[in-house]
Amino acid sequence: MPVVTVSEKLVRVLEAFAPGKDLEAKLANVTREGLEFQLGRCNEALSGFEVKYGMTFTEFVEAWQADEIPRRRSHEVERDFMEWEARHLEQTDLRGAVRELGRFESES
């Protein structure tokens, strides 16, 4: 297991404000909360695209491949597609990290 050096200042803040029985649990809780916050922002961005295009990302990809997206070669639509795809991948990664952290917390 790696050894991490944490400043006294950070330890004081974690001890005062982070939930958890010990420093490791506090760090896990703060990390989980940060991941969940990022996931929430990612979900908001994804919802924006779903509202804009009236479909999920998977449906959009299928419609794109079937040449059913109006103006699909426009700068706006291509940019949206790239950002939507990036957010979709980010969501998958964040969900995986939250699950992995949950397994770590249940082992502790």
C-alpha atoms as a PDB file:
ATOM      1  CA  MET A   1       0.000   0.000   0.000  1.00  0.00           C
ATOM      2  CA  PRO A   2       1.401   3.429  -0.900  1.00  0.00           C
ATOM      3  CA  VAL A   3       2.369   5.816   1.849  1.00  0.00           C
ATOM      4  CA  VAL A   4       1.121   9.370   1.430  1.00  0.00           C
ATOM      5  CA  THR A   5       2.329  12.428   3.277  1.00  0.00           C
ATOM      6  CA  VAL A   6      -0.422  14.885   4.174  1.00  0.00           C
ATOM      7  CA  SER A   7       0.211  18.309   5.610  1.00  0.00           C
ATOM      8  CA  GLU A   8      -0.848  19.039   9.174  1.00  0.00           C
ATOM      9  CA  LYS A   9      -3.101  21.809   7.883  1.00  0.00           C
ATOM     10  CA  LEU A  10      -4.984  19.358   5.647  1.00  0.00           C
ATOM     11  CA  VAL A  11      -5.234  16.827   8.459  1.00  0.00           C
ATOM     12  CA  ARG A  12      -6.753  19.487  10.756  1.00  0.00           C
ATOM     13  CA  VAL A  13      -9.331  20.434   8.133  1.00  0.00           C
ATOM     14  CA  LEU A  14     -10.217  16.802   7.433  1.00  0.00           C
ATOM     15  CA  GLU A  15     -10.503  16.031  11.141  1.00  0.00           C
ATOM     16  CA  ALA A  16     -12.728  19.054  11.679  1.00  0.00           C
ATOM     17  CA  PHE A  17     -15.042  18.775   8.681  1.00  0.00           C
ATOM     18  CA  ALA A  18     -14.883  15.416   6.911  1.00  0.00           C
ATOM     19  CA  PRO A  19     -17.107  12.557   8.048  1.00  0.00           C
ATOM     20  CA  GLY A  20     -15.395   9.303   8.981  1.00  0.00           C
ATOM     21  CA  LYS A  21     -13.929   7.414  11.891  1.00  0.00           C
ATOM     22  CA  ASP A  22     -10.284   7.874  10.891  1.00  0.00           C
ATOM     23  CA  LEU A  23      -8.178   9.776   8.367  1.00  0.00           C
ATOM     24  CA  GLU A  24      -8.466   7.082   5.705  1.00  0.00           C
ATOM     25  CA  ALA A  25     -12.258   7.001   6.002  1.00  0.00           C
ATOM     26  CA  LYS A  26     -12.367  10.799   5.901  1.00  0.00           C
ATOM     27  CA  LEU A  27     -10.270  10.865   2.729  1.00  0.00           C
ATOM     28  CA  ALA A  28     -12.476   8.182   1.162  1.00  0.00           C
ATOM     29  CA  ASN A  29     -15.611  10.181   2.021  1.00  0.00           C
ATOM     30  CA  VAL A  30     -14.202  13.422   0.624  1.00  0.00           C
ATOM     31  CA  THR A  31     -13.085  11.611  -2.526  1.00  0.00           C
ATOM     32  CA  ARG A  32     -16.502   9.960  -2.976  1.00  0.00           C
ATOM     33  CA  GLU A  33     -18.272  13.287  -2.488  1.00  0.00           C
ATOM     34  CA  GLY A  34     -15.985  14.894  -5.081  1.00  0.00           C
ATOM     35  CA  LEU A  35     -16.627  12.107  -7.572  1.00  0.00           C
ATOM     36  CA  GLU A  36     -20.383  12.326  -6.976  1.00  0.00           C
ATOM     37  CA  PHE A  37     -20.261  16.102  -7.517  1.00  0.00           C
ATOM     38  CA  GLN A  38     -18.391  15.626 -10.801  1.00  0.00           C
ATOM     39  CA  LEU A  39     -20.869  12.915 -11.807  1.00  0.00           C
ATOM     40  CA  GLY A  40     -23.759  15.284 -11.103  1.00  0.00           C
ATOM     41  CA  ARG A  41     -22.242  17.969 -13.332  1.00  0.00           C
ATOM     42  CA  CYS A  42     -21.601  15.389 -16.023  1.00  0.00           C
ATOM     43  CA  ASN A  43     -25.214  14.158 -15.803  1.00  0.00           C
ATOM     44  CA  GLU A  44     -26.466  17.741 -16.153  1.00  0.00           C
ATOM     45  CA  ALA A  45     -24.416  18.199 -19.327  1.00  0.00           C
ATOM     46  CA  LEU A  46     -25.694  14.895 -20.721  1.00  0.00           C
ATOM     47  CA  SER A  47     -29.278  15.868 -19.936  1.00  0.00           C
ATOM     48  CA  GLY A  48     -28.764  19.108 -21.829  1.00  0.00           C
ATOM     49  CA  PHE A  49     -27.803  17.203 -24.973  1.00  0.00           C
ATOM     50  CA  GLU A  50     -30.682  14.759 -24.510  1.00  0.00           C
ATOM     51  CA  VAL A  51     -33.135  17.651 -24.287  1.00  0.00           C
ATOM     52  CA  LYS A  52     -31.550  19.472 -27.231  1.00  0.00           C
ATOM     53  CA  TYR A  53     -31.679  16.450 -29.534  1.00  0.00           C
ATOM     54  CA  GLY A  54     -34.658  14.619 -28.004  1.00  0.00           C
ATOM     55  CA  MET A  55     -32.810  11.331 -27.585  1.00  0.00           C
ATOM     56  CA  THR A  56     -30.191   9.490 -25.571  1.00  0.00           C
ATOM     57  CA  PHE A  57     -26.552   9.374 -26.660  1.00  0.00           C
ATOM     58  CA  THR A  58     -26.955   5.792 -27.891  1.00  0.00           C
ATOM     59  CA  GLU A  59     -29.985   6.791 -29.956  1.00  0.00           C
ATOM     60  CA  PHE A  60     -28.057   9.785 -31.310  1.00  0.00           C
ATOM     61  CA  VAL A  61     -25.163   7.558 -32.414  1.00  0.00           C
ATOM     62  CA  GLU A  62     -27.578   5.192 -34.159  1.00  0.00           C
ATOM     63  CA  ALA A  63     -29.334   8.121 -35.877  1.00  0.00           C
ATOM     64  CA  TRP A  64     -25.933   9.596 -36.843  1.00  0.00           C
ATOM     65  CA  GLN A  65     -24.826   6.330 -38.419  1.00  0.00           C
ATOM     66  CA  ALA A  66     -28.150   6.097 -40.300  1.00  0.00           C
ATOM     67  CA  ASP A  67     -27.636   9.695 -41.562  1.00  0.00           C
ATOM     68  CA  GLU A  68     -30.820  10.794 -39.757  1.00  0.00           C
ATOM     69  CA  ILE A  69     -29.376  13.777 -37.870  1.00  0.00           C
ATOM     70  CA  PRO A  70     -30.266  17.072 -39.566  1.00  0.00           C
ATOM     71  CA  ARG A  71     -27.220  19.248 -40.340  1.00  0.00           C
ATOM     72  CA  ARG A  72     -24.974  16.491 -39.005  1.00  0.00           C
ATOM     73  CA  ARG A  73     -21.899  17.947 -40.726  1.00  0.00           C
ATOM     74  CA  SER A  74     -22.419  21.420 -39.265  1.00  0.00           C
ATOM     75  CA  HIS A  75     -19.854  22.712 -36.816  1.00  0.00           C
ATOM     76  CA  GLU A  76     -22.440  22.895 -34.006  1.00  0.00           C
ATOM     77  CA  VAL A  77     -23.711  19.330 -34.413  1.00  0.00           C
ATOM     78  CA  GLU A  78     -20.249  17.816 -34.803  1.00  0.00           C
ATOM     79  CA  ARG A  79     -18.985  19.757 -31.768  1.00  0.00           C
ATOM     80  CA  ASP A  80     -22.015  18.603 -29.753  1.00  0.00           C
ATOM     81  CA  PHE A  81     -21.391  15.010 -30.820  1.00  0.00           C
ATOM     82  CA  MET A  82     -17.754  15.146 -29.694  1.00  0.00           C
ATOM     83  CA  GLU A  83     -18.595  16.781 -26.376  1.00  0.00           C
ATOM     84  CA  TRP A  84     -21.558  14.472 -25.797  1.00  0.00           C
ATOM     85  CA  GLU A  85     -19.366  11.441 -26.461  1.00  0.00           C
ATOM     86  CA  ALA A  86     -16.671  12.753 -24.106  1.00  0.00           C
ATOM     87  CA  ARG A  87     -19.245  13.354 -21.359  1.00  0.00           C
ATOM     88  CA  HIS A  88     -20.726   9.895 -21.927  1.00  0.00           C
ATOM     89  CA  LEU A  89     -17.278   8.326 -21.475  1.00  0.00           C
ATOM     90  CA  GLU A  90     -16.601  10.546 -18.455  1.00  0.00           C
ATOM     91  CA  GLN A  91     -19.888   9.403 -16.892  1.00  0.00           C
ATOM     92  CA  THR A  92     -18.882   5.760 -17.378  1.00  0.00           C
ATOM     93  CA  ASP A  93     -15.466   6.394 -15.791  1.00  0.00           C
ATOM     94  CA  LEU A  94     -16.923   8.337 -12.855  1.00  0.00           C
ATOM     95  CA  ARG A  95     -19.545   5.680 -12.160  1.00  0.00           C
ATOM     96  CA  GLY A  96     -16.802   3.052 -12.160  1.00  0.00           C
ATOM     97  CA  ALA A  97     -14.688   5.095  -9.756  1.00  0.00           C
ATOM     98  CA  VAL A  98     -17.655   5.592  -7.392  1.00  0.00           C
ATOM     99  CA  ARG A  99     -18.364   1.831  -7.474  1.00  0.00           C
ATOM    100  CA  GLU A 100     -14.705   1.009  -6.836  1.00  0.00           C
ATOM    101  CA  LEU A 101     -14.552   3.444  -3.948  1.00  0.00           C
ATOM    102  CA  GLY A 102     -17.752   1.923  -2.548  1.00  0.00           C
ATOM    103  CA  ARG A 103     -16.088  -1.512  -2.574  1.00  0.00           C
ATOM    104  CA  PHE A 104     -13.058  -0.034  -0.807  1.00  0.00           C
ATOM    105  CA  GLU A 105     -15.274   1.567   1.845  1.00  0.00           C
ATOM    106  CA  SER A 106     -17.166  -1.667   2.462  1.00  0.00           C
ATOM    107  CA  GLU A 107     -13.861  -3.535   2.929  1.00  0.00           C
ATOM    108  CA  SER A 108     -12.630  -1.031   5.520  1.00  0.00           C
END
